[in-house]
Amino acid sequence: MKKIFISVVFVLVGIIAFASDYSTFNLDNGQKLIIKEVHDKPIVIIDM
């Protein structure tokens, strides 16, 4: 469980550090949604 938490933290820090143009939304259940559109790569990444 601890390894999963640390992995998620590193992923989120990486997303925030390298996302220069992004949008953030707070959902009703308390989760924070970060969206960054990159049009040259057809990839979708979802982390919870």
PDB file of N, CA and C in Angstrom:
ATOM      1  N   MET A   1       0.827  -1.192   0.000  1.00  0.00           N
ATOM      2  CA  MET A   1       0.000   0.000   0.000  1.00  0.00           C
ATOM      3  C   MET A   1       0.870   1.254   0.000  1.00  0.00           C
ATOM      4  N   LYS A   2       1.955   1.215   0.776  1.00  0.00           N
ATOM      5  CA  LYS A   2       2.850   2.369   0.867  1.00  0.00           C
ATOM      6  C   LYS A   2       3.526   2.646  -0.474  1.00  0.00           C
ATOM      7  N   LYS A   3       3.886   1.586  -1.202  1.00  0.00           N
ATOM      8  CA  LYS A   3       4.533   1.759  -2.512  1.00  0.00           C
ATOM      9  C   LYS A   3       3.573   2.395  -3.509  1.00  0.00           C
ATOM     10  N   ILE A   4       2.313   2.009  -3.449  1.00  0.00           N
ATOM     11  CA  ILE A   4       1.314   2.580  -4.354  1.00  0.00           C
ATOM     12  C   ILE A   4       1.134   4.061  -4.057  1.00  0.00           C
ATOM     13  N   PHE A   5       1.044   4.417  -2.781  1.00  0.00           N
ATOM     14  CA  PHE A   5       0.878   5.814  -2.391  1.00  0.00           C
ATOM     15  C   PHE A   5       2.064   6.654  -2.854  1.00  0.00           C
ATOM     16  N   ILE A   6       3.268   6.152  -2.656  1.00  0.00           N
ATOM     17  CA  ILE A   6       4.468   6.890  -3.082  1.00  0.00           C
ATOM     18  C   ILE A   6       4.491   7.036  -4.593  1.00  0.00           C
ATOM     19  N   SER A   7       4.106   5.996  -5.320  1.00  0.00           N
ATOM     20  CA  SER A   7       4.058   6.072  -6.782  1.00  0.00           C
ATOM     21  C   SER A   7       3.066   7.121  -7.254  1.00  0.00           C
ATOM     22  N   VAL A   8       1.904   7.152  -6.632  1.00  0.00           N
ATOM     23  CA  VAL A   8       0.889   8.139  -7.008  1.00  0.00           C
ATOM     24  C   VAL A   8       1.378   9.549  -6.717  1.00  0.00           C
ATOM     25  N   VAL A   9       2.037   9.737  -5.588  1.00  0.00           N
ATOM     26  CA  VAL A   9       2.570  11.056  -5.245  1.00  0.00           C
ATOM     27  C   VAL A   9       3.591  11.502  -6.287  1.00  0.00           C
ATOM     28  N   PHE A  10       4.497  10.614  -6.684  1.00  0.00           N
ATOM     29  CA  PHE A  10       5.492  10.972  -7.699  1.00  0.00           C
ATOM     30  C   PHE A  10       4.849  11.315  -9.032  1.00  0.00           C
ATOM     31  N   VAL A  11       3.825  10.568  -9.413  1.00  0.00           N
ATOM     32  CA  VAL A  11       3.131  10.851 -10.668  1.00  0.00           C
ATOM     33  C   VAL A  11       2.447  12.211 -10.610  1.00  0.00           C
ATOM     34  N   LEU A  12       1.764  12.486  -9.519  1.00  0.00           N
ATOM     35  CA  LEU A  12       1.068  13.769  -9.389  1.00  0.00           C
ATOM     36  C   LEU A  12       2.046  14.936  -9.345  1.00  0.00           C
ATOM     37  N   VAL A  13       3.162  14.782  -8.651  1.00  0.00           N
ATOM     38  CA  VAL A  13       4.178  15.843  -8.612  1.00  0.00           C
ATOM     39  C   VAL A  13       4.742  16.063 -10.003  1.00  0.00           C
ATOM     40  N   GLY A  14       4.974  15.002 -10.739  1.00  0.00           N
ATOM     41  CA  GLY A  14       5.473  15.129 -12.110  1.00  0.00           C
ATOM     42  C   GLY A  14       4.487  15.824 -13.019  1.00  0.00           C
ATOM     43  N   ILE A  15       3.222  15.498 -12.878  1.00  0.00           N
ATOM     44  CA  ILE A  15       2.195  16.152 -13.695  1.00  0.00           C
ATOM     45  C   ILE A  15       2.135  17.639 -13.387  1.00  0.00           C
ATOM     46  N   ILE A  16       2.155  17.978 -12.124  1.00  0.00           N
ATOM     47  CA  ILE A  16       2.065  19.386 -11.732  1.00  0.00           C
ATOM     48  C   ILE A  16       3.326  20.143 -12.128  1.00  0.00           C
ATOM     49  N   ALA A  17       4.494  19.516 -11.998  1.00  0.00           N
ATOM     50  CA  ALA A  17       5.754  20.193 -12.302  1.00  0.00           C
ATOM     51  C   ALA A  17       5.918  20.454 -13.792  1.00  0.00           C
ATOM     52  N   PHE A  18       5.488  19.524 -14.641  1.00  0.00           N
ATOM     53  CA  PHE A  18       5.707  19.657 -16.072  1.00  0.00           C
ATOM     54  C   PHE A  18       4.504  20.193 -16.836  1.00  0.00           C
ATOM     55  N   ALA A  19       3.394  20.389 -16.170  1.00  0.00           N
ATOM     56  CA  ALA A  19       2.199  20.899 -16.830  1.00  0.00           C
ATOM     57  C   ALA A  19       2.220  22.423 -16.774  1.00  0.00           C
ATOM     58  N   SER A  20       2.546  23.032 -17.893  1.00  0.00           N
ATOM     59  CA  SER A  20       2.624  24.487 -17.904  1.00  0.00           C
ATOM     60  C   SER A  20       1.266  25.127 -18.176  1.00  0.00           C
ATOM     61  N   ASP A  21       0.445  24.480 -18.975  1.00  0.00           N
ATOM     62  CA  ASP A  21      -0.866  25.015 -19.304  1.00  0.00           C
ATOM     63  C   ASP A  21      -1.904  23.946 -18.979  1.00  0.00           C
ATOM     64  N   TYR A  22      -2.515  24.055 -17.815  1.00  0.00           N
ATOM     65  CA  TYR A  22      -3.454  23.038 -17.388  1.00  0.00           C
ATOM     66  C   TYR A  22      -4.636  23.679 -16.673  1.00  0.00           C
ATOM     67  N   SER A  23      -5.704  22.913 -16.535  1.00  0.00           N
ATOM     68  CA  SER A  23      -6.907  23.364 -15.838  1.00  0.00           C
ATOM     69  C   SER A  23      -7.126  22.465 -14.635  1.00  0.00           C
ATOM     70  N   THR A  24      -7.562  23.042 -13.536  1.00  0.00           N
ATOM     71  CA  THR A  24      -7.872  22.248 -12.347  1.00  0.00           C
ATOM     72  C   THR A  24      -9.328  22.463 -11.948  1.00  0.00           C
ATOM     73  N   PHE A  25      -9.944  21.401 -11.491  1.00  0.00           N
ATOM     74  CA  PHE A  25     -11.320  21.432 -11.036  1.00  0.00           C
ATOM     75  C   PHE A  25     -11.413  20.637  -9.746  1.00  0.00           C
ATOM     76  N   ASN A  26     -12.219  21.073  -8.810  1.00  0.00           N
ATOM     77  CA  ASN A  26     -12.502  20.322  -7.597  1.00  0.00           C
ATOM     78  C   ASN A  26     -13.874  19.693  -7.739  1.00  0.00           C
ATOM     79  N   LEU A  27     -13.919  18.365  -7.628  1.00  0.00           N
ATOM     80  CA  LEU A  27     -15.175  17.640  -7.742  1.00  0.00           C
ATOM     81  C   LEU A  27     -15.941  17.702  -6.424  1.00  0.00           C
ATOM     82  N   ASP A  28     -17.218  17.360  -6.475  1.00  0.00           N
ATOM     83  CA  ASP A  28     -18.072  17.407  -5.286  1.00  0.00           C
ATOM     84  C   ASP A  28     -17.618  16.430  -4.202  1.00  0.00           C
ATOM     85  N   ASN A  29     -16.954  15.328  -4.601  1.00  0.00           N
ATOM     86  CA  ASN A  29     -16.508  14.342  -3.616  1.00  0.00           C
ATOM     87  C   ASN A  29     -15.134  14.665  -3.037  1.00  0.00           C
ATOM     88  N   GLY A  30     -14.572  15.830  -3.366  1.00  0.00           N
ATOM     89  CA  GLY A  30     -13.304  16.255  -2.788  1.00  0.00           C
ATOM     90  C   GLY A  30     -12.090  15.967  -3.641  1.00  0.00           C
ATOM     91  N   GLN A  31     -12.240  15.220  -4.717  1.00  0.00           N
ATOM     92  CA  GLN A  31     -11.098  14.930  -5.575  1.00  0.00           C
ATOM     93  C   GLN A  31     -10.748  16.141  -6.417  1.00  0.00           C
ATOM     94  N   LYS A  32      -9.470  16.264  -6.742  1.00  0.00           N
ATOM     95  CA  LYS A  32      -9.000  17.350  -7.578  1.00  0.00           C
ATOM     96  C   LYS A  32      -8.716  16.792  -8.965  1.00  0.00           C
ATOM     97  N   LEU A  33      -9.263  17.416  -9.984  1.00  0.00           N
ATOM     98  CA  LEU A  33      -9.118  16.985 -11.364  1.00  0.00           C
ATOM     99  C   LEU A  33      -8.180  17.953 -12.067  1.00  0.00           C
ATOM    100  N   ILE A  34      -7.101  17.417 -12.652  1.00  0.00           N
ATOM    101  CA  ILE A  34      -6.128  18.222 -13.390  1.00  0.00           C
ATOM    102  C   ILE A  34      -6.172  17.775 -14.846  1.00  0.00           C
ATOM    103  N   ILE A  35      -6.418  18.712 -15.752  1.00  0.00           N
ATOM    104  CA  ILE A  35      -6.518  18.396 -17.176  1.00  0.00           C
ATOM    105  C   ILE A  35      -5.473  19.196 -17.944  1.00  0.00           C
ATOM    106  N   LYS A  36      -4.671  18.485 -18.739  1.00  0.00           N
ATOM    107  CA  LYS A  36      -3.728  19.136 -19.647  1.00  0.00           C
ATOM    108  C   LYS A  36      -3.899  18.489 -21.012  1.00  0.00           C
ATOM    109  N   GLU A  37      -4.177  19.304 -21.996  1.00  0.00           N
ATOM    110  CA  GLU A  37      -4.358  18.793 -23.346  1.00  0.00           C
ATOM    111  C   GLU A  37      -3.039  18.872 -24.099  1.00  0.00           C
ATOM    112  N   VAL A  38      -2.638  17.736 -24.671  1.00  0.00           N
ATOM    113  CA  VAL A  38      -1.456  17.666 -25.526  1.00  0.00           C
ATOM    114  C   VAL A  38      -1.941  17.074 -26.845  1.00  0.00           C
ATOM    115  N   HIS A  39      -2.028  17.907 -27.853  1.00  0.00           N
ATOM    116  CA  HIS A  39      -2.662  17.486 -29.106  1.00  0.00           C
ATOM    117  C   HIS A  39      -1.758  16.663 -30.010  1.00  0.00           C
ATOM    118  N   ASP A  40      -0.460  16.626 -29.770  1.00  0.00           N
ATOM    119  CA  ASP A  40       0.423  15.859 -30.648  1.00  0.00           C
ATOM    120  C   ASP A  40       0.594  14.408 -30.203  1.00  0.00           C
ATOM    121  N   LYS A  41       0.018  14.020 -29.057  1.00  0.00           N
ATOM    122  CA  LYS A  41       0.116  12.647 -28.569  1.00  0.00           C
ATOM    123  C   LYS A  41      -1.282  12.117 -28.246  1.00  0.00           C
ATOM    124  N   PRO A  42      -1.701  11.033 -28.911  1.00  0.00           N
ATOM    125  CA  PRO A  42      -3.038  10.481 -28.654  1.00  0.00           C
ATOM    126  C   PRO A  42      -3.040   9.540 -27.440  1.00  0.00           C
ATOM    127  N   ILE A  43      -2.787  10.088 -26.245  1.00  0.00           N
ATOM    128  CA  ILE A  43      -2.688   9.290 -25.036  1.00  0.00           C
ATOM    129  C   ILE A  43      -3.620   9.854 -23.981  1.00  0.00           C
ATOM    130  N   VAL A  44      -4.257   8.966 -23.220  1.00  0.00           N
ATOM    131  CA  VAL A  44      -5.074   9.395 -22.079  1.00  0.00           C
ATOM    132  C   VAL A  44      -4.512   8.705 -20.851  1.00  0.00           C
ATOM    133  N   ILE A  45      -4.251   9.490 -19.783  1.00  0.00           N
ATOM    134  CA  ILE A  45      -3.747   8.947 -18.539  1.00  0.00           C
ATOM    135  C   ILE A  45      -4.718   9.325 -17.426  1.00  0.00           C
ATOM    136  N   ILE A  46      -5.114   8.324 -16.646  1.00  0.00           N
ATOM    137  CA  ILE A  46      -6.026   8.571 -15.524  1.00  0.00           C
ATOM    138  C   ILE A  46      -5.377   8.004 -14.270  1.00  0.00           C
ATOM    139  N   ASP A  47      -5.183   8.843 -13.254  1.00  0.00           N
ATOM    140  CA  ASP A  47      -4.642   8.424 -11.959  1.00  0.00           C
ATOM    141  C   ASP A  47      -5.654   8.794 -10.889  1.00  0.00           C
ATOM    142  N   MET A  48      -5.851   7.890  -9.945  1.00  0.00           N
ATOM    143  CA  MET A  48      -6.775   8.164  -8.847  1.00  0.00           C
ATOM    144  C   MET A  48      -6.072   7.903  -7.539  1.00  0.00           C
TER     145      MET A  48
END
